[in-house]
Amino acid sequence: MRVLIADDEPLARALLRALLTELPGVALVGEAGDGDEAVEMARALAPDVLFLDIDMPQRNGIHAAIELAATGIEIIFVTAHEEHAIDAFEIGALDYVLKPVRRPRLARTVERALLRHAARRADGDAPAPARDQVADAAIWVSVLRGNVRVAICDIVRVEAARDHVYLHTAQRAYLHRVTMVELERLLEGSGMIRVHRSAFLRPDRVAAVHRRGKALTLELVDGTSVPVGASYRAATLAAVALPPR
């Protein structure tokens, strides 16, 4: 995975460079010192991922990310300012890492980026999807300031909310207007399973299965409890590799 760094602080770039070079699967292709240089180098080098500071001279990181939105380069913001997180995710950033950068946090971020990179490469080798499927395995969701592209591979669970659904990612939840029937078609082949008429989830997010009489509840790794519908019981237990009772 080819990576570009953009930060106006030389020490911050040096630290991030050192941490990234410790991680497998990462190839650093360049470093930029301001927003304008970040855009120029990103267009010239076409990295897979851009680690981008927000407060920089010339063009700030948010504006640089917007400028690069059509390129398909994944943006990971690395900043000391937590208040920009909402703006970052509303423009579709893959992640938002606070300074000072810690090894475990960066390793998790890079792991997500590598998974996304691998999924994109696999999609490129696959036949083109039908026109009525979500383009590039993503769902465009309306937010306060426009629209956000939510990659289906980033959705860990879904819960129904009348004529809307909540799409839960590791960072936040998005409210989206769609029926569960339509959503089931969009999620086909994504690895998510339907466990209830009002819930989808990823089996690898299940930490425990609780039985109480005939009732079955899944406990996810983030502590969320999700009930399993009676008609989904056998398929759910098979998906999480537990035998039915």
C-alpha atoms as a PDB file:
ATOM      1  CA  MET A   1       0.000   0.000   0.000  1.00  0.00           C
ATOM      2  CA  ARG A   2       1.530   3.305  -1.153  1.00  0.00           C
ATOM      3  CA  VAL A   3       1.375   6.110   1.414  1.00  0.00           C
ATOM      4  CA  LEU A   4       1.923   9.876   1.287  1.00  0.00           C
ATOM      5  CA  ILE A   5       2.399  12.057   4.404  1.00  0.00           C
ATOM      6  CA  ALA A   6       1.384  15.730   4.594  1.00  0.00           C
ATOM      7  CA  ASP A   7       2.218  17.822   7.678  1.00  0.00           C
ATOM      8  CA  ASP A   8       3.810  21.249   8.069  1.00  0.00           C
ATOM      9  CA  GLU A   9       5.724  20.163  11.189  1.00  0.00           C
ATOM     10  CA  PRO A  10       8.997  18.351  10.336  1.00  0.00           C
ATOM     11  CA  LEU A  11       9.087  16.548  13.699  1.00  0.00           C
ATOM     12  CA  ALA A  12       5.515  15.315  13.256  1.00  0.00           C
ATOM     13  CA  ARG A  13       6.382  14.017   9.775  1.00  0.00           C
ATOM     14  CA  ALA A  14       9.509  12.317  11.114  1.00  0.00           C
ATOM     15  CA  LEU A  15       7.568  10.559  13.893  1.00  0.00           C
ATOM     16  CA  LEU A  16       4.826   9.382  11.552  1.00  0.00           C
ATOM     17  CA  ARG A  17       7.413   8.248   9.013  1.00  0.00           C
ATOM     18  CA  ALA A  18       9.244   6.224  11.661  1.00  0.00           C
ATOM     19  CA  LEU A  19       6.050   4.588  12.926  1.00  0.00           C
ATOM     20  CA  LEU A  20       4.790   3.758   9.445  1.00  0.00           C
ATOM     21  CA  THR A  21       8.066   2.154   8.395  1.00  0.00           C
ATOM     22  CA  GLU A  22       7.661  -0.291  11.298  1.00  0.00           C
ATOM     23  CA  LEU A  23       4.401  -1.614   9.848  1.00  0.00           C
ATOM     24  CA  PRO A  24       4.248  -4.325   7.170  1.00  0.00           C
ATOM     25  CA  GLY A  25       2.550  -3.628   3.869  1.00  0.00           C
ATOM     26  CA  VAL A  26       3.300   0.115   3.852  1.00  0.00           C
ATOM     27  CA  ALA A  27       5.498   1.882   1.263  1.00  0.00           C
ATOM     28  CA  LEU A  28       6.134   5.591   1.851  1.00  0.00           C
ATOM     29  CA  VAL A  29       6.201   7.438  -1.494  1.00  0.00           C
ATOM     30  CA  GLY A  30       6.664  11.047  -0.344  1.00  0.00           C
ATOM     31  CA  GLU A  31       6.150  13.844   2.175  1.00  0.00           C
ATOM     32  CA  ALA A  32       4.454  17.238   1.769  1.00  0.00           C
ATOM     33  CA  GLY A  33       4.877  20.300   3.966  1.00  0.00           C
ATOM     34  CA  ASP A  34       1.626  22.179   3.276  1.00  0.00           C
ATOM     35  CA  GLY A  35      -1.831  21.721   1.792  1.00  0.00           C
ATOM     36  CA  ASP A  36      -0.992  22.888  -1.712  1.00  0.00           C
ATOM     37  CA  GLU A  37       2.023  20.581  -1.887  1.00  0.00           C
ATOM     38  CA  ALA A  38      -0.127  17.721  -0.564  1.00  0.00           C
ATOM     39  CA  VAL A  39      -2.618  18.133  -3.409  1.00  0.00           C
ATOM     40  CA  GLU A  40       0.137  18.470  -6.018  1.00  0.00           C
ATOM     41  CA  MET A  41       2.066  15.426  -4.800  1.00  0.00           C
ATOM     42  CA  ALA A  42      -1.080  13.335  -4.372  1.00  0.00           C
ATOM     43  CA  ARG A  43      -2.095  13.995  -7.971  1.00  0.00           C
ATOM     44  CA  ALA A  44       1.419  13.258  -9.238  1.00  0.00           C
ATOM     45  CA  LEU A  45       2.186  10.172  -7.140  1.00  0.00           C
ATOM     46  CA  ALA A  46      -1.343   8.673  -6.857  1.00  0.00           C
ATOM     47  CA  PRO A  47      -0.832   7.078  -3.423  1.00  0.00           C
ATOM     48  CA  ASP A  48      -3.392   4.673  -2.023  1.00  0.00           C
ATOM     49  CA  VAL A  49      -3.537   6.568   1.293  1.00  0.00           C
ATOM     50  CA  LEU A  50      -2.776  10.148   2.319  1.00  0.00           C
ATOM     51  CA  PHE A  51      -2.017  10.830   6.001  1.00  0.00           C
ATOM     52  CA  LEU A  52      -3.094  14.455   6.225  1.00  0.00           C
ATOM     53  CA  ASP A  53      -2.686  17.102   8.919  1.00  0.00           C
ATOM     54  CA  ILE A  54      -5.530  19.639   9.152  1.00  0.00           C
ATOM     55  CA  ASP A  55      -3.930  22.894  10.309  1.00  0.00           C
ATOM     56  CA  MET A  56      -1.408  23.646   7.561  1.00  0.00           C
ATOM     57  CA  PRO A  57      -0.391  26.790   5.620  1.00  0.00           C
ATOM     58  CA  GLN A  58      -1.610  27.484   2.085  1.00  0.00           C
ATOM     59  CA  ARG A  59      -4.548  25.073   1.889  1.00  0.00           C
ATOM     60  CA  ASN A  60      -5.662  23.330   5.094  1.00  0.00           C
ATOM     61  CA  GLY A  61      -6.203  19.593   5.292  1.00  0.00           C
ATOM     62  CA  ILE A  62      -9.991  19.716   5.003  1.00  0.00           C
ATOM     63  CA  HIS A  63      -9.791  21.770   1.799  1.00  0.00           C
ATOM     64  CA  ALA A  64      -7.040  19.522   0.440  1.00  0.00           C
ATOM     65  CA  ALA A  65      -9.179  16.433   1.090  1.00  0.00           C
ATOM     66  CA  ILE A  66     -12.158  17.998  -0.699  1.00  0.00           C
ATOM     67  CA  GLU A  67      -9.898  18.858  -3.643  1.00  0.00           C
ATOM     68  CA  LEU A  68      -8.773  15.216  -3.832  1.00  0.00           C
ATOM     69  CA  ALA A  69     -12.200  13.654  -3.305  1.00  0.00           C
ATOM     70  CA  ALA A  70     -12.583  12.563  -6.926  1.00  0.00           C
ATOM     71  CA  THR A  71      -9.183  10.822  -7.034  1.00  0.00           C
ATOM     72  CA  GLY A  72     -10.192   7.873  -4.862  1.00  0.00           C
ATOM     73  CA  ILE A  73      -7.224   8.384  -2.528  1.00  0.00           C
ATOM     74  CA  GLU A  74      -8.119   7.304   1.017  1.00  0.00           C
ATOM     75  CA  ILE A  75      -7.686  10.140   3.516  1.00  0.00           C
ATOM     76  CA  ILE A  76      -6.558   9.578   7.101  1.00  0.00           C
ATOM     77  CA  PHE A  77      -6.411  12.771   9.150  1.00  0.00           C
ATOM     78  CA  VAL A  78      -3.655  13.053  11.748  1.00  0.00           C
ATOM     79  CA  THR A  79      -4.194  16.122  13.904  1.00  0.00           C
ATOM     80  CA  ALA A  80      -4.067  17.514  17.425  1.00  0.00           C
ATOM     81  CA  HIS A  81      -7.511  19.100  17.047  1.00  0.00           C
ATOM     82  CA  GLU A  82     -10.403  16.843  17.987  1.00  0.00           C
ATOM     83  CA  GLU A  83     -13.042  19.422  17.017  1.00  0.00           C
ATOM     84  CA  HIS A  84     -12.523  18.716  13.297  1.00  0.00           C
ATOM     85  CA  ALA A  85     -13.615  15.065  13.561  1.00  0.00           C
ATOM     86  CA  ILE A  86     -17.175  15.629  12.323  1.00  0.00           C
ATOM     87  CA  ASP A  87     -15.960  17.606   9.305  1.00  0.00           C
ATOM     88  CA  ALA A  88     -13.445  14.862   8.542  1.00  0.00           C
ATOM     89  CA  PHE A  89     -15.970  12.031   8.489  1.00  0.00           C
ATOM     90  CA  GLU A  90     -18.547  14.091   6.619  1.00  0.00           C
ATOM     91  CA  ILE A  91     -16.167  14.325   3.678  1.00  0.00           C
ATOM     92  CA  GLY A  92     -15.557  10.583   3.781  1.00  0.00           C
ATOM     93  CA  ALA A  93     -12.223  10.245   5.603  1.00  0.00           C
ATOM     94  CA  LEU A  94     -11.192   6.670   6.341  1.00  0.00           C
ATOM     95  CA  ASP A  95     -10.005   7.531   9.852  1.00  0.00           C
ATOM     96  CA  TYR A  96      -9.099  10.355  12.242  1.00  0.00           C
ATOM     97  CA  VAL A  97      -6.005   9.904  14.424  1.00  0.00           C
ATOM     98  CA  LEU A  98      -5.190  12.328  17.213  1.00  0.00           C
ATOM     99  CA  LYS A  99      -1.675  13.519  17.962  1.00  0.00           C
ATOM    100  CA  PRO A 100       0.534  12.475  19.590  1.00  0.00           C
ATOM    101  CA  VAL A 101       0.262   9.381  17.429  1.00  0.00           C
ATOM    102  CA  ARG A 102       0.513   6.099  19.337  1.00  0.00           C
ATOM    103  CA  ARG A 103       1.772   2.859  17.811  1.00  0.00           C
ATOM    104  CA  PRO A 104      -1.288   0.703  18.671  1.00  0.00           C
ATOM    105  CA  ARG A 105      -3.734   3.308  17.344  1.00  0.00           C
ATOM    106  CA  LEU A 106      -1.762   3.779  14.125  1.00  0.00           C
ATOM    107  CA  ALA A 107      -1.456   0.015  13.652  1.00  0.00           C
ATOM    108  CA  ARG A 108      -5.255  -0.358  13.826  1.00  0.00           C
ATOM    109  CA  THR A 109      -5.697   2.443  11.317  1.00  0.00           C
ATOM    110  CA  VAL A 110      -3.189   0.937   8.895  1.00  0.00           C
ATOM    111  CA  GLU A 111      -4.832  -2.470   9.248  1.00  0.00           C
ATOM    112  CA  ARG A 112      -8.182  -0.949   8.205  1.00  0.00           C
ATOM    113  CA  ALA A 113      -6.530   0.829   5.303  1.00  0.00           C
ATOM    114  CA  LEU A 114      -4.850  -2.387   4.139  1.00  0.00           C
ATOM    115  CA  LEU A 115      -8.170  -4.242   4.254  1.00  0.00           C
ATOM    116  CA  ARG A 116      -9.821  -1.482   2.218  1.00  0.00           C
ATOM    117  CA  HIS A 117      -6.919  -1.520  -0.238  1.00  0.00           C
ATOM    118  CA  ALA A 118      -7.172  -5.292  -0.647  1.00  0.00           C
ATOM    119  CA  ALA A 119     -10.947  -5.080  -1.131  1.00  0.00           C
ATOM    120  CA  ARG A 120     -10.535  -2.421  -3.813  1.00  0.00           C
ATOM    121  CA  ARG A 121      -7.983  -4.504  -5.673  1.00  0.00           C
ATOM    122  CA  ALA A 122     -10.266  -7.534  -5.499  1.00  0.00           C
ATOM    123  CA  ASP A 123     -13.160  -5.452  -6.818  1.00  0.00           C
ATOM    124  CA  GLY A 124     -10.969  -4.345  -9.703  1.00  0.00           C
ATOM    125  CA  ASP A 125     -10.428  -7.987 -10.721  1.00  0.00           C
ATOM    126  CA  ALA A 126     -14.115  -8.855 -10.426  1.00  0.00           C
ATOM    127  CA  PRO A 127     -16.755  -8.410 -13.143  1.00  0.00           C
ATOM    128  CA  ALA A 128     -18.485  -5.025 -13.149  1.00  0.00           C
ATOM    129  CA  PRO A 129     -21.540  -4.987 -10.819  1.00  0.00           C
ATOM    130  CA  ALA A 130     -25.049  -4.575 -12.151  1.00  0.00           C
ATOM    131  CA  ARG A 131     -26.240  -1.010 -12.613  1.00  0.00           C
ATOM    132  CA  ASP A 132     -28.751  -1.282  -9.771  1.00  0.00           C
ATOM    133  CA  GLN A 133     -26.033  -2.184  -7.236  1.00  0.00           C
ATOM    134  CA  VAL A 134     -24.198   0.375  -5.115  1.00  0.00           C
ATOM    135  CA  ALA A 135     -21.286   1.816  -7.083  1.00  0.00           C
ATOM    136  CA  ASP A 136     -17.869   0.865  -5.718  1.00  0.00           C
ATOM    137  CA  ALA A 137     -19.453  -1.085  -2.816  1.00  0.00           C
ATOM    138  CA  ALA A 138     -20.596   2.015  -0.965  1.00  0.00           C
ATOM    139  CA  ILE A 139     -23.745   3.829   0.105  1.00  0.00           C
ATOM    140  CA  TRP A 140     -24.098   7.582  -0.259  1.00  0.00           C
ATOM    141  CA  VAL A 141     -25.706   8.980   2.899  1.00  0.00           C
ATOM    142  CA  SER A 142     -27.200  12.450   3.358  1.00  0.00           C
ATOM    143  CA  VAL A 143     -25.678  14.477   6.213  1.00  0.00           C
ATOM    144  CA  LEU A 144     -26.061  18.045   7.411  1.00  0.00           C
ATOM    145  CA  ARG A 145     -23.508  19.501   4.994  1.00  0.00           C
ATOM    146  CA  GLY A 146     -24.093  17.323   1.964  1.00  0.00           C
ATOM    147  CA  ASN A 147     -23.419  13.625   1.346  1.00  0.00           C
ATOM    148  CA  VAL A 148     -20.939  11.087   2.692  1.00  0.00           C
ATOM    149  CA  ARG A 149     -19.736   7.933   0.959  1.00  0.00           C
ATOM    150  CA  VAL A 150     -19.986   5.084   3.491  1.00  0.00           C
ATOM    151  CA  ALA A 151     -18.056   2.047   2.311  1.00  0.00           C
ATOM    152  CA  ILE A 152     -20.033  -1.142   2.864  1.00  0.00           C
ATOM    153  CA  CYS A 153     -16.901  -2.881   4.161  1.00  0.00           C
ATOM    154  CA  ASP A 154     -16.816  -0.305   6.999  1.00  0.00           C
ATOM    155  CA  ILE A 155     -20.380  -1.014   8.168  1.00  0.00           C
ATOM    156  CA  VAL A 156     -20.311  -3.345  11.185  1.00  0.00           C
ATOM    157  CA  ARG A 157     -24.032  -3.493  11.946  1.00  0.00           C
ATOM    158  CA  VAL A 158     -27.369  -2.053  10.864  1.00  0.00           C
ATOM    159  CA  GLU A 159     -30.513  -1.417  12.862  1.00  0.00           C
ATOM    160  CA  ALA A 160     -33.900  -0.406  11.507  1.00  0.00           C
ATOM    161  CA  ALA A 161     -35.567   2.860  12.571  1.00  0.00           C
ATOM    162  CA  ARG A 162     -39.043   2.913  10.969  1.00  0.00           C
ATOM    163  CA  ASP A 163     -38.503   3.976   7.344  1.00  0.00           C
ATOM    164  CA  HIS A 164     -34.792   4.662   8.006  1.00  0.00           C
ATOM    165  CA  VAL A 165     -31.828   2.620   9.202  1.00  0.00           C
ATOM    166  CA  TYR A 166     -28.759   3.361  11.277  1.00  0.00           C
ATOM    167  CA  LEU A 167     -25.546   2.307   9.532  1.00  0.00           C
ATOM    168  CA  HIS A 168     -23.015   1.748  12.309  1.00  0.00           C
ATOM    169  CA  THR A 169     -19.298   1.983  11.500  1.00  0.00           C
ATOM    170  CA  ALA A 170     -16.410   1.833  13.963  1.00  0.00           C
ATOM    171  CA  GLN A 171     -16.420   5.641  14.186  1.00  0.00           C
ATOM    172  CA  ARG A 172     -20.076   6.709  14.126  1.00  0.00           C
ATOM    173  CA  ALA A 173     -23.624   5.906  13.030  1.00  0.00           C
ATOM    174  CA  TYR A 174     -25.311   7.321   9.927  1.00  0.00           C
ATOM    175  CA  LEU A 175     -29.085   7.686   9.572  1.00  0.00           C
ATOM    176  CA  HIS A 176     -30.117   6.645   6.064  1.00  0.00           C
ATOM    177  CA  ARG A 177     -33.502   6.404   4.386  1.00  0.00           C
ATOM    178  CA  VAL A 178     -33.846   2.920   2.886  1.00  0.00           C
ATOM    179  CA  THR A 179     -36.044  -0.125   3.467  1.00  0.00           C
ATOM    180  CA  MET A 180     -34.599  -3.298   4.946  1.00  0.00           C
ATOM    181  CA  VAL A 181     -35.565  -5.158   1.769  1.00  0.00           C
ATOM    182  CA  GLU A 182     -33.574  -2.718  -0.366  1.00  0.00           C
ATOM    183  CA  LEU A 183     -30.691  -2.803   2.084  1.00  0.00           C
ATOM    184  CA  GLU A 184     -30.567  -6.603   2.052  1.00  0.00           C
ATOM    185  CA  ARG A 185     -30.029  -6.448  -1.715  1.00  0.00           C
ATOM    186  CA  LEU A 186     -27.290  -3.823  -1.336  1.00  0.00           C
ATOM    187  CA  LEU A 187     -25.489  -5.869   1.326  1.00  0.00           C
ATOM    188  CA  GLU A 188     -25.553  -9.102  -0.672  1.00  0.00           C
ATOM    189  CA  GLY A 189     -22.057 -10.560  -0.829  1.00  0.00           C
ATOM    190  CA  SER A 190     -20.700  -8.105   1.764  1.00  0.00           C
ATOM    191  CA  GLY A 191     -20.275 -10.684   4.520  1.00  0.00           C
ATOM    192  CA  MET A 192     -23.051  -9.182   6.637  1.00  0.00           C
ATOM    193  CA  ILE A 193     -25.926 -11.398   7.783  1.00  0.00           C
ATOM    194  CA  ARG A 194     -29.490 -10.622   8.730  1.00  0.00           C
ATOM    195  CA  VAL A 195     -30.159 -11.764  12.305  1.00  0.00           C
ATOM    196  CA  HIS A 196     -33.521 -10.094  12.843  1.00  0.00           C
ATOM    197  CA  ARG A 197     -36.116  -8.398  10.668  1.00  0.00           C
ATOM    198  CA  SER A 198     -34.637  -5.124  11.960  1.00  0.00           C
ATOM    199  CA  ALA A 199     -30.902  -5.938  12.173  1.00  0.00           C
ATOM    200  CA  PHE A 200     -27.863  -6.917  10.111  1.00  0.00           C
ATOM    201  CA  LEU A 201     -24.345  -7.444  11.462  1.00  0.00           C
ATOM    202  CA  ARG A 202     -20.948  -8.924  10.712  1.00  0.00           C
ATOM    203  CA  PRO A 203     -20.453 -12.351  12.319  1.00  0.00           C
ATOM    204  CA  ASP A 204     -16.838 -11.538  13.214  1.00  0.00           C
ATOM    205  CA  ARG A 205     -18.124  -8.756  15.500  1.00  0.00           C
ATOM    206  CA  VAL A 206     -19.894 -11.279  17.759  1.00  0.00           C
ATOM    207  CA  ALA A 207     -18.100 -11.729  21.093  1.00  0.00           C
ATOM    208  CA  ALA A 208     -20.674 -13.898  22.876  1.00  0.00           C
ATOM    209  CA  VAL A 209     -23.985 -15.681  22.321  1.00  0.00           C
ATOM    210  CA  HIS A 210     -26.510 -15.616  25.171  1.00  0.00           C
ATOM    211  CA  ARG A 211     -29.441 -18.008  25.425  1.00  0.00           C
ATOM    212  CA  ARG A 212     -32.398 -17.535  27.745  1.00  0.00           C
ATOM    213  CA  GLY A 213     -35.020 -20.140  27.059  1.00  0.00           C
ATOM    214  CA  LYS A 214     -35.797 -19.864  23.371  1.00  0.00           C
ATOM    215  CA  ALA A 215     -34.493 -16.302  23.183  1.00  0.00           C
ATOM    216  CA  LEU A 216     -31.097 -15.733  21.607  1.00  0.00           C
ATOM    217  CA  THR A 217     -29.041 -12.539  21.973  1.00  0.00           C
ATOM    218  CA  LEU A 218     -25.689 -11.665  20.419  1.00  0.00           C
ATOM    219  CA  GLU A 219     -23.179  -9.570  22.340  1.00  0.00           C
ATOM    220  CA  LEU A 220     -20.864  -7.664  20.011  1.00  0.00           C
ATOM    221  CA  VAL A 221     -17.255  -6.710  20.679  1.00  0.00           C
ATOM    222  CA  ASP A 222     -18.314  -3.127  21.466  1.00  0.00           C
ATOM    223  CA  GLY A 223     -20.788  -4.343  24.109  1.00  0.00           C
ATOM    224  CA  THR A 224     -23.927  -3.894  21.992  1.00  0.00           C
ATOM    225  CA  SER A 225     -26.660  -6.531  22.424  1.00  0.00           C
ATOM    226  CA  VAL A 226     -28.586  -7.598  19.340  1.00  0.00           C
ATOM    227  CA  PRO A 227     -31.586  -9.971  19.549  1.00  0.00           C
ATOM    228  CA  VAL A 228     -31.879 -12.791  17.023  1.00  0.00           C
ATOM    229  CA  GLY A 229     -35.242 -13.369  15.358  1.00  0.00           C
ATOM    230  CA  ALA A 230     -36.684 -16.878  15.507  1.00  0.00           C
ATOM    231  CA  SER A 231     -36.615 -17.319  11.734  1.00  0.00           C
ATOM    232  CA  TYR A 232     -32.947 -16.244  11.593  1.00  0.00           C
ATOM    233  CA  ARG A 233     -31.754 -18.416  14.486  1.00  0.00           C
ATOM    234  CA  ALA A 234     -30.294 -21.409  12.619  1.00  0.00           C
ATOM    235  CA  ALA A 235     -28.553 -19.297   9.954  1.00  0.00           C
ATOM    236  CA  THR A 236     -27.117 -16.972  12.593  1.00  0.00           C
ATOM    237  CA  LEU A 237     -25.720 -19.812  14.703  1.00  0.00           C
ATOM    238  CA  ALA A 238     -24.182 -21.332  11.596  1.00  0.00           C
ATOM    239  CA  ALA A 239     -22.608 -18.000  10.642  1.00  0.00           C
ATOM    240  CA  VAL A 240     -20.984 -17.595  14.079  1.00  0.00           C
ATOM    241  CA  ALA A 241     -19.963 -21.294  14.039  1.00  0.00           C
ATOM    242  CA  LEU A 242     -22.171 -22.408  16.912  1.00  0.00           C
ATOM    243  CA  PRO A 243     -24.394 -25.510  16.673  1.00  0.00           C
ATOM    244  CA  PRO A 244     -28.185 -24.958  16.882  1.00  0.00           C
ATOM    245  CA  ARG A 245     -30.092 -26.241  19.892  1.00  0.00           C
END
